[in-house]
N, C-alpha and C. Protein backbone atom coordinates (compact mmCIF):
# COMPACT_ATOMS: atom_id res chain seq x y z
N MET A 1 19.61 -1.45 -9.27
CA MET A 1 19.74 -1.87 -7.89
C MET A 1 20.83 -1.07 -7.20
N SER A 2 20.50 -0.46 -6.06
CA SER A 2 21.49 0.32 -5.36
C SER A 2 22.34 -0.56 -4.47
N GLU A 3 23.56 -0.10 -4.19
CA GLU A 3 24.43 -0.87 -3.33
C GLU A 3 24.03 -0.69 -1.88
N SER A 4 24.25 -1.74 -1.08
CA SER A 4 23.93 -1.65 0.34
C SER A 4 25.21 -1.50 1.13
N SER A 5 25.10 -0.92 2.32
CA SER A 5 26.26 -0.78 3.17
C SER A 5 26.57 -2.11 3.84
N ASP A 6 27.75 -2.21 4.44
CA ASP A 6 28.21 -3.46 5.01
C ASP A 6 27.32 -3.95 6.14
N ASP A 7 26.68 -3.04 6.87
CA ASP A 7 25.88 -3.44 8.02
C ASP A 7 24.38 -3.28 7.77
N GLU A 8 23.96 -3.23 6.53
CA GLU A 8 22.55 -3.06 6.19
C GLU A 8 21.91 -4.41 5.91
N THR A 9 20.79 -4.69 6.54
CA THR A 9 20.08 -5.94 6.30
C THR A 9 19.29 -5.84 4.99
N TRP A 10 18.85 -6.99 4.50
CA TRP A 10 18.06 -7.01 3.26
C TRP A 10 16.77 -6.22 3.46
N ILE A 11 16.14 -6.37 4.62
CA ILE A 11 14.88 -5.66 4.88
C ILE A 11 15.09 -4.15 4.86
N GLN A 12 16.15 -3.69 5.48
CA GLN A 12 16.45 -2.26 5.46
C GLN A 12 16.73 -1.78 4.04
N TRP A 13 17.46 -2.58 3.28
CA TRP A 13 17.75 -2.23 1.88
C TRP A 13 16.45 -2.13 1.08
N PHE A 14 15.59 -3.14 1.24
CA PHE A 14 14.35 -3.19 0.48
C PHE A 14 13.46 -1.99 0.78
N CYS A 15 13.29 -1.68 2.05
CA CYS A 15 12.39 -0.59 2.44
C CYS A 15 12.95 0.79 2.08
N SER A 16 14.25 0.87 1.83
CA SER A 16 14.86 2.15 1.49
C SER A 16 14.84 2.44 0.00
N GLN A 17 14.38 1.47 -0.82
CA GLN A 17 14.37 1.67 -2.26
C GLN A 17 13.30 2.68 -2.67
N ARG A 18 13.57 3.41 -3.74
CA ARG A 18 12.60 4.37 -4.26
C ARG A 18 11.30 3.66 -4.63
N GLY A 19 10.18 4.18 -4.17
CA GLY A 19 8.89 3.57 -4.44
C GLY A 19 8.45 2.57 -3.39
N HIS A 20 9.31 2.32 -2.39
CA HIS A 20 8.98 1.37 -1.33
C HIS A 20 8.69 2.08 -0.01
N GLU A 21 8.42 3.37 -0.07
CA GLU A 21 8.20 4.13 1.15
C GLU A 21 6.94 3.71 1.90
N PHE A 22 6.01 3.03 1.23
CA PHE A 22 4.79 2.58 1.89
C PHE A 22 5.05 1.41 2.83
N PHE A 23 6.16 0.70 2.64
CA PHE A 23 6.44 -0.48 3.46
C PHE A 23 7.04 -0.08 4.80
N CYS A 24 6.74 -0.87 5.83
CA CYS A 24 7.45 -0.74 7.10
C CYS A 24 8.40 -1.93 7.25
N GLU A 25 9.33 -1.82 8.15
CA GLU A 25 10.31 -2.89 8.36
C GLU A 25 9.73 -3.95 9.29
N ILE A 26 9.48 -5.13 8.74
CA ILE A 26 8.91 -6.23 9.52
C ILE A 26 9.95 -6.71 10.53
N SER A 27 9.52 -6.96 11.74
CA SER A 27 10.43 -7.44 12.77
C SER A 27 10.91 -8.86 12.45
N GLU A 28 12.14 -9.15 12.78
CA GLU A 28 12.75 -10.44 12.45
C GLU A 28 12.05 -11.59 13.16
N ASP A 29 11.62 -11.37 14.40
CA ASP A 29 10.96 -12.46 15.13
C ASP A 29 9.63 -12.84 14.49
N TYR A 30 8.95 -11.87 13.85
CA TYR A 30 7.70 -12.18 13.16
C TYR A 30 7.97 -13.09 11.97
N ILE A 31 9.02 -12.83 11.23
CA ILE A 31 9.35 -13.64 10.06
C ILE A 31 9.84 -15.02 10.48
N ARG A 32 10.52 -15.11 11.60
CA ARG A 32 11.03 -16.41 12.06
C ARG A 32 9.93 -17.34 12.54
N ASP A 33 8.78 -16.79 12.90
CA ASP A 33 7.66 -17.61 13.35
C ASP A 33 6.96 -18.23 12.14
N LYS A 34 7.10 -19.54 11.97
CA LYS A 34 6.58 -20.22 10.78
C LYS A 34 5.06 -20.11 10.65
N PHE A 35 4.37 -19.94 11.78
CA PHE A 35 2.92 -19.80 11.72
C PHE A 35 2.52 -18.60 10.88
N ASN A 36 3.30 -17.53 10.96
CA ASN A 36 2.99 -16.30 10.22
C ASN A 36 3.21 -16.45 8.72
N LEU A 37 3.88 -17.52 8.31
CA LEU A 37 4.20 -17.73 6.89
C LEU A 37 3.34 -18.84 6.27
N THR A 38 2.33 -19.28 6.98
CA THR A 38 1.50 -20.41 6.51
C THR A 38 0.99 -20.19 5.09
N ASN A 39 1.23 -21.20 4.25
CA ASN A 39 0.75 -21.27 2.85
C ASN A 39 1.46 -20.32 1.89
N LEU A 40 2.38 -19.50 2.36
CA LEU A 40 3.07 -18.60 1.43
C LEU A 40 4.01 -19.37 0.50
N ASN A 41 4.47 -20.53 0.93
CA ASN A 41 5.34 -21.34 0.07
C ASN A 41 4.61 -21.80 -1.19
N GLU A 42 3.28 -21.80 -1.15
CA GLU A 42 2.50 -22.20 -2.32
C GLU A 42 2.30 -21.05 -3.31
N GLN A 43 2.60 -19.84 -2.88
CA GLN A 43 2.37 -18.67 -3.72
C GLN A 43 3.65 -18.08 -4.31
N VAL A 44 4.78 -18.41 -3.71
CA VAL A 44 6.03 -17.77 -4.10
C VAL A 44 7.03 -18.78 -4.62
N PRO A 45 7.50 -18.63 -5.86
CA PRO A 45 8.55 -19.52 -6.37
C PRO A 45 9.87 -19.27 -5.65
N TYR A 46 10.74 -20.30 -5.63
CA TYR A 46 12.03 -20.19 -4.92
C TYR A 46 11.81 -19.73 -3.48
N TYR A 47 10.77 -20.26 -2.86
CA TYR A 47 10.37 -19.80 -1.53
C TYR A 47 11.49 -19.91 -0.51
N ARG A 48 12.14 -21.07 -0.46
CA ARG A 48 13.18 -21.29 0.55
C ARG A 48 14.34 -20.32 0.38
N GLN A 49 14.79 -20.15 -0.88
CA GLN A 49 15.90 -19.22 -1.14
C GLN A 49 15.49 -17.77 -0.86
N ALA A 50 14.24 -17.44 -1.21
CA ALA A 50 13.74 -16.08 -0.98
C ALA A 50 13.68 -15.78 0.51
N LEU A 51 13.20 -16.75 1.29
CA LEU A 51 13.12 -16.55 2.74
C LEU A 51 14.52 -16.41 3.35
N ASP A 52 15.45 -17.21 2.86
CA ASP A 52 16.84 -17.10 3.34
C ASP A 52 17.40 -15.71 3.05
N MET A 53 17.08 -15.17 1.89
CA MET A 53 17.58 -13.85 1.52
C MET A 53 17.01 -12.78 2.45
N ILE A 54 15.70 -12.85 2.71
CA ILE A 54 15.06 -11.87 3.58
C ILE A 54 15.66 -11.92 4.99
N GLN A 55 15.98 -13.11 5.46
CA GLN A 55 16.48 -13.29 6.82
C GLN A 55 17.99 -13.10 6.92
N ASP A 56 18.64 -12.88 5.80
CA ASP A 56 20.08 -12.69 5.81
C ASP A 56 20.44 -11.52 6.71
N SER A 57 21.34 -11.74 7.64
CA SER A 57 21.69 -10.69 8.59
C SER A 57 22.30 -9.49 7.88
N TYR A 58 23.14 -9.74 6.86
CA TYR A 58 23.77 -8.65 6.13
C TYR A 58 23.62 -8.90 4.65
N TYR A 59 22.87 -8.04 4.02
CA TYR A 59 22.59 -8.21 2.60
C TYR A 59 23.65 -7.53 1.76
N ASP A 60 24.24 -8.27 0.83
CA ASP A 60 25.27 -7.75 -0.07
C ASP A 60 24.75 -7.86 -1.50
N SER A 61 24.32 -6.75 -2.07
CA SER A 61 23.73 -6.78 -3.42
C SER A 61 24.75 -7.22 -4.46
N ASP A 62 26.02 -6.85 -4.30
CA ASP A 62 27.03 -7.25 -5.27
C ASP A 62 27.24 -8.76 -5.24
N GLU A 63 27.24 -9.34 -4.05
CA GLU A 63 27.40 -10.78 -3.94
C GLU A 63 26.24 -11.50 -4.60
N MET A 64 25.02 -10.97 -4.41
CA MET A 64 23.85 -11.60 -5.03
C MET A 64 23.95 -11.58 -6.54
N GLU A 65 24.46 -10.50 -7.11
CA GLU A 65 24.57 -10.39 -8.56
C GLU A 65 25.57 -11.38 -9.12
N ASP A 66 26.55 -11.80 -8.31
CA ASP A 66 27.57 -12.73 -8.77
C ASP A 66 27.13 -14.18 -8.71
N GLU A 67 26.04 -14.46 -7.99
CA GLU A 67 25.60 -15.84 -7.89
C GLU A 67 25.04 -16.31 -9.23
N GLN A 68 25.23 -17.58 -9.52
CA GLN A 68 24.84 -18.12 -10.82
C GLN A 68 23.45 -18.74 -10.79
N LEU A 69 22.97 -19.16 -9.61
CA LEU A 69 21.73 -19.93 -9.55
C LEU A 69 20.51 -19.02 -9.39
N HIS A 70 19.93 -18.63 -10.51
CA HIS A 70 18.66 -17.90 -10.51
C HIS A 70 18.68 -16.68 -9.60
N ALA A 71 19.75 -15.92 -9.62
CA ALA A 71 19.87 -14.78 -8.72
C ALA A 71 18.72 -13.79 -8.92
N GLY A 72 18.43 -13.47 -10.18
CA GLY A 72 17.35 -12.52 -10.45
C GLY A 72 16.00 -13.05 -10.03
N ASP A 73 15.76 -14.35 -10.26
CA ASP A 73 14.48 -14.95 -9.89
C ASP A 73 14.31 -14.98 -8.37
N VAL A 74 15.37 -15.30 -7.67
CA VAL A 74 15.31 -15.33 -6.21
C VAL A 74 15.07 -13.92 -5.66
N GLN A 75 15.72 -12.95 -6.25
CA GLN A 75 15.53 -11.56 -5.81
C GLN A 75 14.08 -11.13 -5.99
N ARG A 76 13.49 -11.44 -7.13
CA ARG A 76 12.09 -11.10 -7.38
C ARG A 76 11.16 -11.83 -6.41
N SER A 77 11.48 -13.09 -6.15
CA SER A 77 10.66 -13.87 -5.22
C SER A 77 10.76 -13.33 -3.81
N ALA A 78 11.95 -12.86 -3.43
CA ALA A 78 12.13 -12.29 -2.10
C ALA A 78 11.28 -11.03 -1.93
N LYS A 79 11.22 -10.21 -2.96
CA LYS A 79 10.40 -9.00 -2.91
C LYS A 79 8.91 -9.37 -2.80
N MET A 80 8.50 -10.39 -3.56
CA MET A 80 7.12 -10.84 -3.53
C MET A 80 6.78 -11.42 -2.15
N LEU A 81 7.68 -12.24 -1.62
CA LEU A 81 7.44 -12.86 -0.32
C LEU A 81 7.37 -11.80 0.78
N TYR A 82 8.27 -10.84 0.73
CA TYR A 82 8.25 -9.79 1.74
C TYR A 82 6.92 -9.02 1.69
N GLY A 83 6.44 -8.75 0.49
CA GLY A 83 5.17 -8.03 0.36
C GLY A 83 4.01 -8.80 0.96
N LEU A 84 3.98 -10.11 0.75
CA LEU A 84 2.88 -10.92 1.28
C LEU A 84 2.97 -11.06 2.79
N ILE A 85 4.19 -11.17 3.31
CA ILE A 85 4.36 -11.19 4.77
C ILE A 85 3.95 -9.84 5.34
N HIS A 86 4.29 -8.78 4.63
CA HIS A 86 3.97 -7.42 5.07
C HIS A 86 2.47 -7.22 5.24
N ALA A 87 1.68 -7.78 4.33
CA ALA A 87 0.22 -7.64 4.41
C ALA A 87 -0.31 -8.26 5.69
N ARG A 88 0.33 -9.32 6.17
CA ARG A 88 -0.09 -9.96 7.42
C ARG A 88 0.45 -9.20 8.63
N PHE A 89 1.67 -8.75 8.54
CA PHE A 89 2.31 -8.07 9.67
C PHE A 89 1.60 -6.78 10.04
N ILE A 90 1.12 -6.02 9.05
CA ILE A 90 0.50 -4.73 9.35
C ILE A 90 -0.90 -4.86 9.93
N LEU A 91 -1.38 -6.09 10.10
CA LEU A 91 -2.64 -6.31 10.80
C LEU A 91 -2.40 -6.63 12.28
N THR A 92 -1.14 -6.75 12.69
CA THR A 92 -0.81 -6.97 14.09
C THR A 92 -0.71 -5.63 14.79
N ASN A 93 -0.77 -5.65 16.11
CA ASN A 93 -0.68 -4.40 16.88
C ASN A 93 0.63 -3.67 16.58
N ARG A 94 1.72 -4.43 16.49
CA ARG A 94 3.02 -3.80 16.23
C ARG A 94 3.06 -3.20 14.83
N GLY A 95 2.55 -3.94 13.84
CA GLY A 95 2.54 -3.44 12.47
C GLY A 95 1.64 -2.22 12.32
N ILE A 96 0.48 -2.26 12.98
CA ILE A 96 -0.44 -1.12 12.92
C ILE A 96 0.22 0.12 13.51
N ALA A 97 0.89 -0.05 14.64
CA ALA A 97 1.56 1.10 15.28
C ALA A 97 2.61 1.70 14.35
N MET A 98 3.35 0.87 13.65
CA MET A 98 4.39 1.37 12.74
C MET A 98 3.78 2.10 11.56
N MET A 99 2.71 1.52 10.98
CA MET A 99 2.09 2.13 9.81
C MET A 99 1.35 3.42 10.17
N MET A 100 0.72 3.44 11.34
CA MET A 100 0.00 4.65 11.73
C MET A 100 0.96 5.78 12.08
N ALA A 101 2.15 5.43 12.53
CA ALA A 101 3.16 6.47 12.75
C ALA A 101 3.56 7.10 11.42
N LYS A 102 3.70 6.26 10.39
CA LYS A 102 4.00 6.77 9.05
C LYS A 102 2.82 7.62 8.53
N TRP A 103 1.60 7.17 8.82
CA TRP A 103 0.40 7.90 8.39
C TRP A 103 0.34 9.29 9.02
N ARG A 104 0.61 9.36 10.32
CA ARG A 104 0.58 10.65 11.00
C ARG A 104 1.63 11.61 10.46
N ASP A 105 2.73 11.05 9.98
CA ASP A 105 3.79 11.88 9.40
C ASP A 105 3.54 12.20 7.93
N GLY A 106 2.44 11.70 7.39
CA GLY A 106 2.08 12.00 6.00
C GLY A 106 2.87 11.26 4.96
N HIS A 107 3.46 10.12 5.32
CA HIS A 107 4.29 9.37 4.36
C HIS A 107 3.49 8.81 3.19
N PHE A 108 2.19 8.62 3.37
CA PHE A 108 1.38 8.01 2.32
C PHE A 108 0.68 9.06 1.43
N GLY A 109 0.78 10.31 1.80
CA GLY A 109 0.18 11.36 0.98
C GLY A 109 -1.12 11.89 1.58
N GLN A 110 -1.81 12.72 0.79
CA GLN A 110 -3.03 13.38 1.23
C GLN A 110 -4.17 13.11 0.27
N CYS A 111 -5.39 13.21 0.79
CA CYS A 111 -6.58 13.03 -0.05
C CYS A 111 -6.68 14.18 -1.05
N PRO A 112 -6.97 13.87 -2.33
CA PRO A 112 -7.07 14.93 -3.33
C PRO A 112 -8.38 15.72 -3.28
N ARG A 113 -9.35 15.25 -2.52
CA ARG A 113 -10.62 15.97 -2.44
C ARG A 113 -10.44 17.28 -1.69
N VAL A 114 -10.95 18.35 -2.25
CA VAL A 114 -10.79 19.68 -1.66
C VAL A 114 -11.37 19.74 -0.25
N HIS A 115 -12.56 19.17 -0.04
CA HIS A 115 -13.24 19.31 1.24
C HIS A 115 -12.71 18.35 2.31
N CYS A 116 -11.77 17.49 1.94
CA CYS A 116 -11.10 16.67 2.96
C CYS A 116 -9.92 17.42 3.55
N GLN A 117 -9.58 18.56 2.98
CA GLN A 117 -8.61 19.50 3.54
C GLN A 117 -7.27 18.84 3.88
N GLY A 118 -6.77 18.07 2.92
CA GLY A 118 -5.44 17.49 3.08
C GLY A 118 -5.36 16.34 4.06
N GLU A 119 -6.47 15.65 4.29
CA GLU A 119 -6.47 14.50 5.20
C GLU A 119 -5.45 13.46 4.74
N HIS A 120 -4.69 12.93 5.67
CA HIS A 120 -3.70 11.90 5.35
C HIS A 120 -4.40 10.60 4.97
N VAL A 121 -3.82 9.89 4.00
CA VAL A 121 -4.42 8.67 3.48
C VAL A 121 -3.60 7.45 3.89
N LEU A 122 -4.19 6.27 3.69
CA LEU A 122 -3.55 5.00 4.03
C LEU A 122 -3.54 4.09 2.81
N PRO A 123 -2.51 3.27 2.64
CA PRO A 123 -2.49 2.33 1.51
C PRO A 123 -3.48 1.20 1.73
N VAL A 124 -4.08 0.75 0.64
CA VAL A 124 -5.06 -0.33 0.71
C VAL A 124 -5.06 -1.09 -0.61
N GLY A 125 -5.41 -2.36 -0.55
CA GLY A 125 -5.55 -3.16 -1.77
C GLY A 125 -7.01 -3.37 -2.10
N GLU A 126 -7.30 -3.50 -3.38
CA GLU A 126 -8.67 -3.85 -3.80
C GLU A 126 -8.85 -5.35 -3.88
N SER A 127 -7.75 -6.10 -3.78
CA SER A 127 -7.79 -7.56 -3.81
C SER A 127 -6.65 -8.08 -2.94
N ASP A 128 -6.91 -9.21 -2.28
CA ASP A 128 -5.86 -9.87 -1.49
C ASP A 128 -5.10 -10.88 -2.32
N ILE A 129 -5.45 -11.00 -3.58
CA ILE A 129 -4.80 -11.97 -4.48
C ILE A 129 -3.69 -11.26 -5.25
N LEU A 130 -2.53 -11.82 -5.21
CA LEU A 130 -1.36 -11.23 -5.84
C LEU A 130 -1.56 -11.09 -7.35
N GLY A 131 -1.21 -9.91 -7.87
CA GLY A 131 -1.26 -9.69 -9.30
C GLY A 131 -2.60 -9.21 -9.84
N HIS A 132 -3.59 -9.00 -8.99
CA HIS A 132 -4.91 -8.59 -9.46
C HIS A 132 -5.07 -7.07 -9.57
N LYS A 133 -4.63 -6.34 -8.55
CA LYS A 133 -4.82 -4.89 -8.52
C LYS A 133 -3.60 -4.21 -7.90
N GLN A 134 -3.30 -3.01 -8.40
CA GLN A 134 -2.23 -2.22 -7.80
C GLN A 134 -2.75 -1.53 -6.53
N VAL A 135 -1.84 -1.07 -5.69
CA VAL A 135 -2.20 -0.43 -4.43
C VAL A 135 -2.99 0.86 -4.68
N LYS A 136 -3.93 1.13 -3.80
CA LYS A 136 -4.69 2.37 -3.83
C LYS A 136 -4.47 3.12 -2.52
N LEU A 137 -5.00 4.32 -2.44
CA LEU A 137 -4.92 5.12 -1.22
C LEU A 137 -6.32 5.36 -0.70
N TYR A 138 -6.52 5.10 0.59
CA TYR A 138 -7.83 5.24 1.23
C TYR A 138 -7.85 6.47 2.13
N CYS A 139 -8.88 7.27 1.96
CA CYS A 139 -9.06 8.45 2.81
C CYS A 139 -10.08 8.12 3.90
N PRO A 140 -9.69 8.17 5.17
CA PRO A 140 -10.62 7.85 6.25
C PRO A 140 -11.66 8.95 6.50
N LYS A 141 -11.51 10.07 5.83
CA LYS A 141 -12.46 11.18 6.03
C LYS A 141 -13.65 11.06 5.08
N CYS A 142 -13.39 10.77 3.80
CA CYS A 142 -14.48 10.64 2.83
C CYS A 142 -14.78 9.19 2.48
N ASN A 143 -13.98 8.25 3.01
CA ASN A 143 -14.17 6.82 2.77
C ASN A 143 -14.12 6.45 1.29
N ASP A 144 -13.24 7.10 0.55
CA ASP A 144 -13.08 6.78 -0.86
C ASP A 144 -11.62 6.40 -1.11
N ILE A 145 -11.36 5.79 -2.27
CA ILE A 145 -10.00 5.39 -2.62
C ILE A 145 -9.56 6.10 -3.89
N PHE A 146 -8.23 6.23 -4.03
CA PHE A 146 -7.66 6.98 -5.14
C PHE A 146 -6.39 6.29 -5.61
N ASN A 147 -6.00 6.60 -6.83
CA ASN A 147 -4.74 6.09 -7.35
C ASN A 147 -3.58 6.87 -6.73
N PRO A 148 -2.49 6.18 -6.40
CA PRO A 148 -1.31 6.89 -5.90
C PRO A 148 -0.57 7.55 -7.06
N SER A 149 0.49 8.26 -6.78
CA SER A 149 1.31 8.84 -7.84
C SER A 149 1.99 7.71 -8.61
N THR A 150 2.50 8.03 -9.78
CA THR A 150 3.12 7.02 -10.64
C THR A 150 4.30 6.34 -9.96
N LYS A 151 4.86 6.98 -8.96
CA LYS A 151 5.99 6.41 -8.22
C LYS A 151 5.62 5.10 -7.56
N TYR A 152 4.33 4.94 -7.22
CA TYR A 152 3.89 3.75 -6.48
C TYR A 152 2.93 2.87 -7.28
N CYS A 153 2.71 3.20 -8.54
CA CYS A 153 1.68 2.50 -9.30
C CYS A 153 2.01 1.04 -9.60
N THR A 154 3.27 0.63 -9.41
CA THR A 154 3.63 -0.76 -9.66
C THR A 154 3.54 -1.63 -8.40
N LEU A 155 3.24 -1.02 -7.24
CA LEU A 155 3.11 -1.80 -6.01
C LEU A 155 1.82 -2.60 -6.03
N ASP A 156 1.92 -3.88 -5.71
CA ASP A 156 0.74 -4.74 -5.71
C ASP A 156 -0.11 -4.45 -4.48
N GLY A 157 -1.41 -4.33 -4.69
CA GLY A 157 -2.32 -4.07 -3.58
C GLY A 157 -2.35 -5.18 -2.55
N ALA A 158 -2.01 -6.41 -2.97
CA ALA A 158 -2.00 -7.54 -2.04
C ALA A 158 -0.94 -7.38 -0.97
N TYR A 159 0.05 -6.51 -1.19
CA TYR A 159 1.10 -6.30 -0.19
C TYR A 159 0.59 -5.48 1.00
N PHE A 160 -0.63 -4.94 0.89
CA PHE A 160 -1.21 -4.13 1.96
C PHE A 160 -2.57 -4.67 2.40
N GLY A 161 -3.22 -5.44 1.54
CA GLY A 161 -4.46 -6.10 1.90
C GLY A 161 -5.68 -5.20 1.85
N THR A 162 -6.84 -5.82 1.76
CA THR A 162 -8.08 -5.07 1.63
C THR A 162 -8.59 -4.54 2.96
N GLY A 163 -8.12 -5.09 4.08
CA GLY A 163 -8.69 -4.71 5.37
C GLY A 163 -7.81 -3.86 6.26
N PHE A 164 -6.60 -3.52 5.80
CA PHE A 164 -5.69 -2.82 6.70
C PHE A 164 -6.22 -1.50 7.24
N PRO A 165 -6.71 -0.56 6.40
CA PRO A 165 -7.15 0.73 6.96
C PRO A 165 -8.22 0.59 8.04
N GLN A 166 -9.19 -0.30 7.79
CA GLN A 166 -10.28 -0.45 8.75
C GLN A 166 -9.80 -1.10 10.04
N MET A 167 -8.91 -2.08 9.92
CA MET A 167 -8.34 -2.70 11.12
C MET A 167 -7.55 -1.67 11.93
N ALA A 168 -6.74 -0.88 11.24
CA ALA A 168 -5.92 0.13 11.92
C ALA A 168 -6.79 1.14 12.65
N LEU A 169 -7.88 1.56 12.02
CA LEU A 169 -8.74 2.57 12.62
C LEU A 169 -9.65 1.99 13.70
N MET A 170 -9.85 0.67 13.68
CA MET A 170 -10.58 0.02 14.76
C MET A 170 -9.68 -0.11 15.99
N VAL A 171 -8.41 -0.40 15.77
CA VAL A 171 -7.46 -0.53 16.87
C VAL A 171 -7.15 0.85 17.46
N GLN A 172 -7.11 1.88 16.61
CA GLN A 172 -6.83 3.23 17.06
C GLN A 172 -7.99 4.15 16.65
N PRO A 173 -9.17 3.98 17.25
CA PRO A 173 -10.37 4.73 16.82
C PRO A 173 -10.24 6.24 16.96
N ALA A 174 -9.37 6.70 17.84
CA ALA A 174 -9.21 8.15 18.01
C ALA A 174 -8.63 8.81 16.77
N ASN A 175 -8.02 8.01 15.89
CA ASN A 175 -7.41 8.56 14.68
C ASN A 175 -8.40 8.67 13.52
N ARG A 176 -9.60 8.13 13.68
CA ARG A 176 -10.58 8.23 12.59
C ARG A 176 -11.16 9.64 12.57
N PRO A 177 -11.00 10.37 11.48
CA PRO A 177 -11.50 11.75 11.42
C PRO A 177 -13.01 11.82 11.21
N GLN A 178 -13.59 12.96 11.51
CA GLN A 178 -15.00 13.20 11.23
C GLN A 178 -15.19 13.39 9.72
N PRO A 179 -16.37 13.05 9.18
CA PRO A 179 -16.63 13.26 7.75
C PRO A 179 -16.53 14.74 7.39
N PRO A 180 -16.34 15.05 6.13
CA PRO A 180 -16.28 16.47 5.72
C PRO A 180 -17.53 17.22 6.13
N THR A 181 -17.37 18.43 6.56
CA THR A 181 -18.51 19.24 6.98
C THR A 181 -19.07 20.10 5.86
N SER A 182 -18.42 20.09 4.72
CA SER A 182 -18.88 20.89 3.58
C SER A 182 -18.72 20.09 2.31
N SER A 183 -19.42 20.52 1.28
CA SER A 183 -19.33 19.86 -0.03
C SER A 183 -19.55 20.90 -1.12
N TYR A 184 -19.18 20.54 -2.32
CA TYR A 184 -19.32 21.47 -3.45
C TYR A 184 -20.77 21.50 -3.93
N THR A 185 -21.29 22.70 -4.15
CA THR A 185 -22.65 22.88 -4.66
C THR A 185 -22.58 23.58 -6.01
N PRO A 186 -22.98 22.91 -7.11
CA PRO A 186 -22.96 23.54 -8.43
C PRO A 186 -23.92 24.73 -8.50
N THR A 187 -23.45 25.84 -9.02
CA THR A 187 -24.29 27.04 -9.17
C THR A 187 -24.09 27.64 -10.55
N LEU A 188 -25.04 28.47 -10.94
CA LEU A 188 -24.96 29.20 -12.20
C LEU A 188 -25.57 30.58 -11.98
N TYR A 189 -24.76 31.61 -12.24
CA TYR A 189 -25.19 32.99 -11.99
C TYR A 189 -25.66 33.17 -10.54
N GLY A 190 -25.00 32.48 -9.62
CA GLY A 190 -25.33 32.64 -8.21
C GLY A 190 -26.48 31.78 -7.71
N PHE A 191 -27.13 31.02 -8.62
CA PHE A 191 -28.26 30.19 -8.21
C PHE A 191 -27.83 28.72 -8.21
N GLN A 192 -28.29 28.00 -7.18
CA GLN A 192 -27.97 26.58 -7.10
C GLN A 192 -28.69 25.80 -8.19
N ILE A 193 -27.97 24.92 -8.85
CA ILE A 193 -28.56 24.10 -9.91
C ILE A 193 -29.30 22.94 -9.28
N HIS A 194 -30.54 22.74 -9.70
CA HIS A 194 -31.36 21.67 -9.15
C HIS A 194 -30.75 20.31 -9.51
N PRO A 195 -30.75 19.35 -8.56
CA PRO A 195 -30.17 18.03 -8.84
C PRO A 195 -30.73 17.35 -10.09
N SER A 196 -32.03 17.56 -10.36
CA SER A 196 -32.64 16.92 -11.53
C SER A 196 -32.01 17.45 -12.82
N ALA A 197 -31.61 18.72 -12.82
CA ALA A 197 -30.97 19.30 -14.01
C ALA A 197 -29.61 18.66 -14.25
N LEU A 198 -28.89 18.38 -13.18
CA LEU A 198 -27.60 17.72 -13.34
C LEU A 198 -27.78 16.30 -13.85
N GLN A 199 -28.81 15.60 -13.38
CA GLN A 199 -29.07 14.24 -13.85
C GLN A 199 -29.42 14.24 -15.33
N ASN A 200 -30.24 15.21 -15.74
CA ASN A 200 -30.62 15.29 -17.15
C ASN A 200 -29.40 15.59 -18.02
N PHE A 201 -28.51 16.46 -17.51
CA PHE A 201 -27.31 16.81 -18.25
C PHE A 201 -26.42 15.58 -18.42
N ASN A 202 -26.26 14.81 -17.33
CA ASN A 202 -25.43 13.62 -17.41
C ASN A 202 -26.03 12.58 -18.34
N SER A 203 -27.36 12.45 -18.34
CA SER A 203 -28.02 11.50 -19.22
C SER A 203 -27.82 11.89 -20.67
N SER A 204 -27.93 13.17 -20.97
CA SER A 204 -27.73 13.65 -22.34
C SER A 204 -26.30 13.44 -22.79
N ALA A 205 -25.37 13.70 -21.90
CA ALA A 205 -23.95 13.54 -22.23
C ALA A 205 -23.64 12.07 -22.52
N ASN A 206 -24.21 11.16 -21.75
CA ASN A 206 -23.97 9.73 -21.96
C ASN A 206 -24.58 9.27 -23.28
N ALA A 207 -25.74 9.83 -23.60
CA ALA A 207 -26.41 9.46 -24.87
C ALA A 207 -25.58 9.94 -26.06
N ASN A 208 -25.02 11.14 -25.96
CA ASN A 208 -24.17 11.67 -27.04
C ASN A 208 -22.92 10.84 -27.19
N ASP A 209 -22.35 10.41 -26.09
CA ASP A 209 -21.15 9.58 -26.15
C ASP A 209 -21.44 8.24 -26.82
N ALA A 210 -22.63 7.70 -26.56
CA ALA A 210 -23.01 6.41 -27.15
C ALA A 210 -23.16 6.54 -28.66
N ASN A 211 -23.64 7.71 -29.10
CA ASN A 211 -23.82 7.91 -30.54
C ASN A 211 -22.48 8.21 -31.21
């Protein structure tokens, strides 16, 4: 755990940690609105203490380490609670604007497909249920998902939700790119390989693997 400065809030500290670059800083007024936190108390242990930590005006990591009452558990719960609130916040107009600004700057990385030509990707979850799937990266050009680098492989996909990329691109349709205009064509000695030959090859390979 890194030390925080005297005037750094818990949210700023959390978002500045290595591996947390996918997160945006949730506005304080959004967290203060109890409607936005509906049912989260049923999913997060030490909910009240975790919420107090997130809302703390000035976060002191050293002070937290000195507390005797479940300091580590509260810290973990605060991170979990922030992630679940984050999944809701990034579906709002303000959250979408913040995340799309990060997307335009390439903070989430690029699509690994050659014909997507370095298209910027967006974080997405395969499940909205905490603990089911790690975060993935969605490419709006080829509409496929990919694993992030190992730096982000421990981030829960529920912290970003299954619908964020599509909601963001519906709100900002001008940012949706056109599909790739080219694709890879398998050839041999300059001749295109017939699709049926590739299917037969794959079938034979699968049969050999089974044996």
